[in-house]
């Protein structure tokens, strides 16, 4: 069985604080930056829903990333949609490739 490779991310929060995250927190941060004002919900991740998305958002908030939580209705209930409230600049991403770190 092959293990899934998760990225390692270095990011600058609001032009000041630099954070390092990896794994699912890194995937969540990359998705938040990529989706911009659209935000992300659990179903926006490739490979299926991110079932613990709220936990990854909690961890990122603990690192100083500003993230707001909104609620969206769907056919059988509601789900959360998360959006960045602070500017985040991705400094480097290491996806575990042979070439190493790519900006």
N, C-alpha and C. Protein backbone atom coordinates (compact mmCIF):
# COMPACT_ATOMS: atom_id res chain seq x y z
N UNK A 1 0.84 -1.18 0.00
CA UNK A 1 0.00 0.00 0.00
C UNK A 1 0.89 1.24 0.00
N UNK A 2 0.62 2.15 -0.91
CA UNK A 2 1.41 3.37 -1.03
C UNK A 2 0.79 4.47 -0.18
N UNK A 3 1.65 5.15 0.58
CA UNK A 3 1.16 6.27 1.38
C UNK A 3 0.99 7.49 0.50
N UNK A 4 -0.01 8.28 0.83
CA UNK A 4 -0.27 9.51 0.09
C UNK A 4 0.74 10.57 0.53
N UNK A 5 1.29 11.29 -0.45
CA UNK A 5 2.24 12.35 -0.14
C UNK A 5 1.48 13.65 0.10
N UNK A 6 1.72 14.26 1.24
CA UNK A 6 1.09 15.53 1.57
C UNK A 6 2.12 16.64 1.45
N UNK A 7 1.69 17.83 1.05
CA UNK A 7 2.64 18.93 0.89
C UNK A 7 3.06 19.54 2.22
N UNK A 8 4.18 20.24 2.15
CA UNK A 8 4.65 21.08 3.24
C UNK A 8 4.62 22.51 2.70
N UNK A 9 4.06 23.42 3.47
CA UNK A 9 3.85 24.79 3.00
C UNK A 9 4.49 25.79 3.96
N UNK A 10 5.13 26.78 3.39
CA UNK A 10 5.58 27.94 4.14
C UNK A 10 4.74 29.10 3.63
N UNK A 11 4.09 29.82 4.55
CA UNK A 11 3.20 30.92 4.15
C UNK A 11 3.45 32.13 5.04
N UNK A 12 3.15 33.30 4.49
CA UNK A 12 3.25 34.55 5.23
C UNK A 12 1.84 35.06 5.46
N UNK A 13 1.52 35.31 6.73
CA UNK A 13 0.19 35.77 7.12
C UNK A 13 0.21 37.28 7.28
N UNK A 14 -0.65 37.97 6.56
CA UNK A 14 -0.79 39.44 6.63
C UNK A 14 0.55 40.15 6.45
N UNK A 15 1.44 39.57 5.66
CA UNK A 15 2.72 40.19 5.37
C UNK A 15 3.70 40.21 6.53
N UNK A 16 3.37 39.54 7.64
CA UNK A 16 4.20 39.61 8.83
C UNK A 16 4.69 38.24 9.30
N UNK A 17 3.78 37.46 9.82
CA UNK A 17 4.10 36.18 10.45
C UNK A 17 4.31 35.10 9.40
N UNK A 18 5.37 34.33 9.55
CA UNK A 18 5.61 33.19 8.67
C UNK A 18 5.23 31.91 9.42
N UNK A 19 4.44 31.07 8.77
CA UNK A 19 4.05 29.80 9.37
C UNK A 19 4.51 28.65 8.49
N UNK A 20 4.66 27.51 9.11
CA UNK A 20 5.00 26.26 8.42
C UNK A 20 3.90 25.27 8.76
N UNK A 21 3.32 24.66 7.75
CA UNK A 21 2.32 23.62 8.00
C UNK A 21 2.51 22.50 6.99
N UNK A 22 1.99 21.34 7.35
CA UNK A 22 2.11 20.20 6.44
C UNK A 22 0.85 19.35 6.53
N UNK A 23 0.79 18.36 5.68
CA UNK A 23 -0.33 17.44 5.71
C UNK A 23 -1.64 18.07 5.28
N UNK A 24 -2.69 17.66 5.93
CA UNK A 24 -4.02 18.14 5.57
C UNK A 24 -4.20 19.63 5.86
N UNK A 25 -3.51 20.14 6.88
CA UNK A 25 -3.57 21.58 7.14
C UNK A 25 -2.99 22.34 5.95
N UNK A 26 -1.89 21.84 5.38
CA UNK A 26 -1.29 22.48 4.22
C UNK A 26 -2.23 22.42 3.02
N UNK A 27 -2.87 21.27 2.80
CA UNK A 27 -3.84 21.15 1.70
C UNK A 27 -5.00 22.14 1.88
N UNK A 28 -5.46 22.27 3.12
CA UNK A 28 -6.56 23.19 3.40
C UNK A 28 -6.14 24.64 3.15
N UNK A 29 -4.94 25.01 3.60
CA UNK A 29 -4.46 26.37 3.39
C UNK A 29 -4.31 26.66 1.89
N UNK A 30 -3.75 25.73 1.15
CA UNK A 30 -3.60 25.92 -0.29
C UNK A 30 -4.97 26.08 -0.97
N UNK A 31 -5.95 25.28 -0.55
CA UNK A 31 -7.29 25.38 -1.14
C UNK A 31 -7.93 26.72 -0.80
N UNK A 32 -7.77 27.20 0.44
CA UNK A 32 -8.34 28.48 0.82
C UNK A 32 -7.75 29.63 0.00
N UNK A 33 -6.43 29.58 -0.21
CA UNK A 33 -5.77 30.64 -0.99
C UNK A 33 -6.21 30.55 -2.45
N UNK A 34 -6.24 29.34 -2.99
CA UNK A 34 -6.60 29.14 -4.39
C UNK A 34 -8.05 29.55 -4.68
N UNK A 35 -8.97 29.24 -3.79
CA UNK A 35 -10.40 29.52 -4.03
C UNK A 35 -10.78 30.96 -3.71
N UNK A 36 -9.94 31.68 -2.98
CA UNK A 36 -10.19 33.10 -2.71
C UNK A 36 -11.52 33.37 -2.07
N UNK A 37 -12.27 34.31 -2.63
CA UNK A 37 -13.54 34.75 -2.03
C UNK A 37 -14.64 33.68 -2.10
N UNK A 38 -14.45 32.65 -2.92
CA UNK A 38 -15.42 31.56 -2.99
C UNK A 38 -15.38 30.71 -1.72
N UNK A 39 -14.21 30.63 -1.09
CA UNK A 39 -14.06 29.81 0.10
C UNK A 39 -14.08 28.33 -0.24
N UNK A 40 -14.04 27.51 0.79
CA UNK A 40 -14.05 26.06 0.60
C UNK A 40 -15.03 25.39 1.56
N UNK A 41 -15.56 24.28 1.11
CA UNK A 41 -16.35 23.40 1.96
C UNK A 41 -15.76 22.00 1.81
N UNK A 42 -16.24 21.08 2.59
CA UNK A 42 -15.68 19.73 2.57
C UNK A 42 -15.75 19.04 1.23
N UNK A 43 -16.74 19.36 0.41
CA UNK A 43 -16.90 18.69 -0.88
C UNK A 43 -16.03 19.28 -1.98
N UNK A 44 -15.29 20.34 -1.69
CA UNK A 44 -14.45 20.99 -2.70
C UNK A 44 -13.08 20.34 -2.87
N UNK A 45 -12.80 19.30 -2.12
CA UNK A 45 -11.48 18.68 -2.17
C UNK A 45 -11.47 17.48 -3.11
N UNK A 46 -10.40 17.36 -3.90
CA UNK A 46 -10.31 16.21 -4.80
C UNK A 46 -10.18 14.91 -4.00
N UNK A 47 -10.75 13.86 -4.52
CA UNK A 47 -10.65 12.57 -3.85
C UNK A 47 -11.76 12.36 -2.83
N UNK A 48 -12.69 13.27 -2.74
CA UNK A 48 -13.80 13.10 -1.81
C UNK A 48 -13.81 14.14 -0.72
N UNK A 49 -14.86 14.12 0.08
CA UNK A 49 -15.02 15.14 1.11
C UNK A 49 -13.90 15.11 2.16
N UNK A 50 -13.54 16.30 2.61
CA UNK A 50 -12.57 16.42 3.71
C UNK A 50 -13.38 16.36 5.01
N UNK A 51 -13.55 15.17 5.57
CA UNK A 51 -14.45 14.97 6.70
C UNK A 51 -14.03 15.74 7.95
N UNK A 52 -12.75 15.99 8.13
CA UNK A 52 -12.28 16.70 9.32
C UNK A 52 -11.85 18.12 8.99
N UNK A 53 -12.47 18.72 7.99
CA UNK A 53 -12.10 20.06 7.56
C UNK A 53 -12.16 21.06 8.72
N UNK A 54 -13.16 20.97 9.56
CA UNK A 54 -13.27 21.87 10.71
C UNK A 54 -12.05 21.78 11.62
N UNK A 55 -11.50 20.58 11.78
CA UNK A 55 -10.31 20.40 12.62
C UNK A 55 -9.09 21.05 11.98
N UNK A 56 -8.98 20.95 10.65
CA UNK A 56 -7.83 21.56 9.96
C UNK A 56 -7.94 23.08 10.03
N UNK A 57 -9.15 23.61 9.90
CA UNK A 57 -9.37 25.05 10.02
C UNK A 57 -9.02 25.51 11.44
N UNK A 58 -9.41 24.73 12.44
CA UNK A 58 -9.08 25.04 13.83
C UNK A 58 -7.57 25.14 14.02
N UNK A 59 -6.84 24.19 13.46
CA UNK A 59 -5.38 24.19 13.56
C UNK A 59 -4.78 25.43 12.88
N UNK A 60 -5.28 25.77 11.70
CA UNK A 60 -4.78 26.94 10.98
C UNK A 60 -5.07 28.23 11.75
N UNK A 61 -6.24 28.32 12.35
CA UNK A 61 -6.56 29.48 13.18
C UNK A 61 -5.58 29.60 14.34
N UNK A 62 -5.19 28.48 14.90
CA UNK A 62 -4.21 28.47 15.98
C UNK A 62 -2.84 28.97 15.54
N UNK A 63 -2.56 28.87 14.25
CA UNK A 63 -1.30 29.36 13.70
C UNK A 63 -1.38 30.84 13.33
N UNK A 64 -2.57 31.44 13.47
CA UNK A 64 -2.73 32.86 13.19
C UNK A 64 -3.44 33.20 11.89
N UNK A 65 -3.93 32.19 11.19
CA UNK A 65 -4.65 32.43 9.94
C UNK A 65 -6.09 32.83 10.27
N UNK A 66 -6.54 33.96 9.73
CA UNK A 66 -7.92 34.40 9.94
C UNK A 66 -8.85 33.70 8.98
N UNK A 67 -9.80 32.94 9.52
CA UNK A 67 -10.74 32.18 8.69
C UNK A 67 -12.14 32.35 9.29
N UNK A 68 -13.09 32.77 8.45
CA UNK A 68 -14.48 32.89 8.91
C UNK A 68 -15.27 31.67 8.48
N UNK A 69 -16.30 31.36 9.25
CA UNK A 69 -17.16 30.23 8.95
C UNK A 69 -18.54 30.73 8.57
N UNK A 70 -19.00 30.30 7.41
CA UNK A 70 -20.37 30.59 6.98
C UNK A 70 -21.14 29.30 6.87
N UNK A 71 -22.44 29.39 6.67
CA UNK A 71 -23.28 28.21 6.56
C UNK A 71 -24.01 28.23 5.22
N UNK A 72 -24.07 27.07 4.57
CA UNK A 72 -24.76 26.94 3.29
C UNK A 72 -25.78 25.81 3.37
N UNK A 73 -26.93 26.05 2.80
CA UNK A 73 -27.96 25.01 2.75
C UNK A 73 -27.75 24.11 1.54
N UNK A 74 -28.12 22.87 1.69
CA UNK A 74 -28.18 21.95 0.55
C UNK A 74 -29.41 21.07 0.75
N UNK A 75 -29.60 20.08 -0.07
CA UNK A 75 -30.82 19.30 -0.09
C UNK A 75 -31.28 18.71 1.23
N UNK A 76 -30.36 18.32 2.10
CA UNK A 76 -30.78 17.64 3.33
C UNK A 76 -30.28 18.34 4.60
N UNK A 77 -29.77 19.55 4.49
CA UNK A 77 -29.29 20.24 5.68
C UNK A 77 -28.40 21.40 5.33
N UNK A 78 -27.38 21.59 6.14
CA UNK A 78 -26.42 22.66 5.90
C UNK A 78 -25.00 22.14 6.06
N UNK A 79 -24.04 22.89 5.54
CA UNK A 79 -22.64 22.60 5.77
C UNK A 79 -21.89 23.91 5.86
N UNK A 80 -20.68 23.85 6.40
CA UNK A 80 -19.87 25.05 6.59
C UNK A 80 -19.10 25.39 5.32
N UNK A 81 -18.89 26.68 5.10
CA UNK A 81 -18.00 27.18 4.05
C UNK A 81 -17.03 28.12 4.74
N UNK A 82 -15.74 27.88 4.53
CA UNK A 82 -14.68 28.64 5.18
C UNK A 82 -14.03 29.59 4.19
N UNK A 83 -13.76 30.84 4.65
CA UNK A 83 -13.11 31.84 3.81
C UNK A 83 -12.03 32.55 4.61
N UNK A 84 -10.94 32.89 3.93
CA UNK A 84 -9.86 33.63 4.57
C UNK A 84 -10.31 35.06 4.88
N UNK A 85 -9.90 35.55 6.04
CA UNK A 85 -10.16 36.94 6.40
C UNK A 85 -8.87 37.74 6.51
N UNK A 86 -7.74 37.07 6.41
CA UNK A 86 -6.44 37.74 6.41
C UNK A 86 -5.71 37.39 5.12
N UNK A 87 -4.89 38.32 4.62
CA UNK A 87 -4.11 37.99 3.42
C UNK A 87 -3.08 36.90 3.73
N UNK A 88 -2.99 35.93 2.84
CA UNK A 88 -2.03 34.84 2.98
C UNK A 88 -1.22 34.75 1.70
N UNK A 89 0.09 34.79 1.84
CA UNK A 89 1.00 34.63 0.69
C UNK A 89 1.72 33.30 0.84
N UNK A 90 1.59 32.44 -0.14
CA UNK A 90 2.30 31.16 -0.13
C UNK A 90 3.74 31.44 -0.55
N UNK A 91 4.68 31.16 0.33
CA UNK A 91 6.10 31.42 0.06
C UNK A 91 6.72 30.24 -0.66
N UNK A 92 6.43 29.02 -0.19
CA UNK A 92 7.00 27.82 -0.80
C UNK A 92 6.09 26.61 -0.55
N UNK A 93 6.11 25.68 -1.50
CA UNK A 93 5.37 24.44 -1.38
C UNK A 93 6.31 23.30 -1.74
N UNK A 94 6.45 22.35 -0.83
CA UNK A 94 7.22 21.13 -1.10
C UNK A 94 6.22 19.99 -1.22
N UNK A 95 6.03 19.51 -2.44
CA UNK A 95 5.07 18.43 -2.68
C UNK A 95 5.75 17.06 -2.64
N UNK A 96 6.99 17.03 -2.17
CA UNK A 96 7.70 15.76 -2.09
C UNK A 96 8.19 15.25 -3.41
N UNK A 97 8.34 16.13 -4.40
CA UNK A 97 8.82 15.73 -5.72
C UNK A 97 10.35 15.72 -5.71
N UNK A 98 10.91 15.15 -6.75
CA UNK A 98 12.37 15.09 -6.88
C UNK A 98 13.00 16.47 -6.99
N UNK A 99 12.24 17.45 -7.48
CA UNK A 99 12.82 18.78 -7.66
C UNK A 99 12.85 19.60 -6.37
N UNK A 100 12.21 19.09 -5.30
CA UNK A 100 12.27 19.79 -4.01
C UNK A 100 11.22 20.86 -3.87
N UNK A 101 11.62 22.02 -3.39
CA UNK A 101 10.70 23.10 -3.08
C UNK A 101 10.43 23.94 -4.32
N UNK A 102 9.15 24.19 -4.57
CA UNK A 102 8.76 25.05 -5.69
C UNK A 102 7.88 26.15 -5.17
N UNK A 103 8.07 27.35 -5.70
CA UNK A 103 7.25 28.48 -5.23
C UNK A 103 5.95 28.53 -5.97
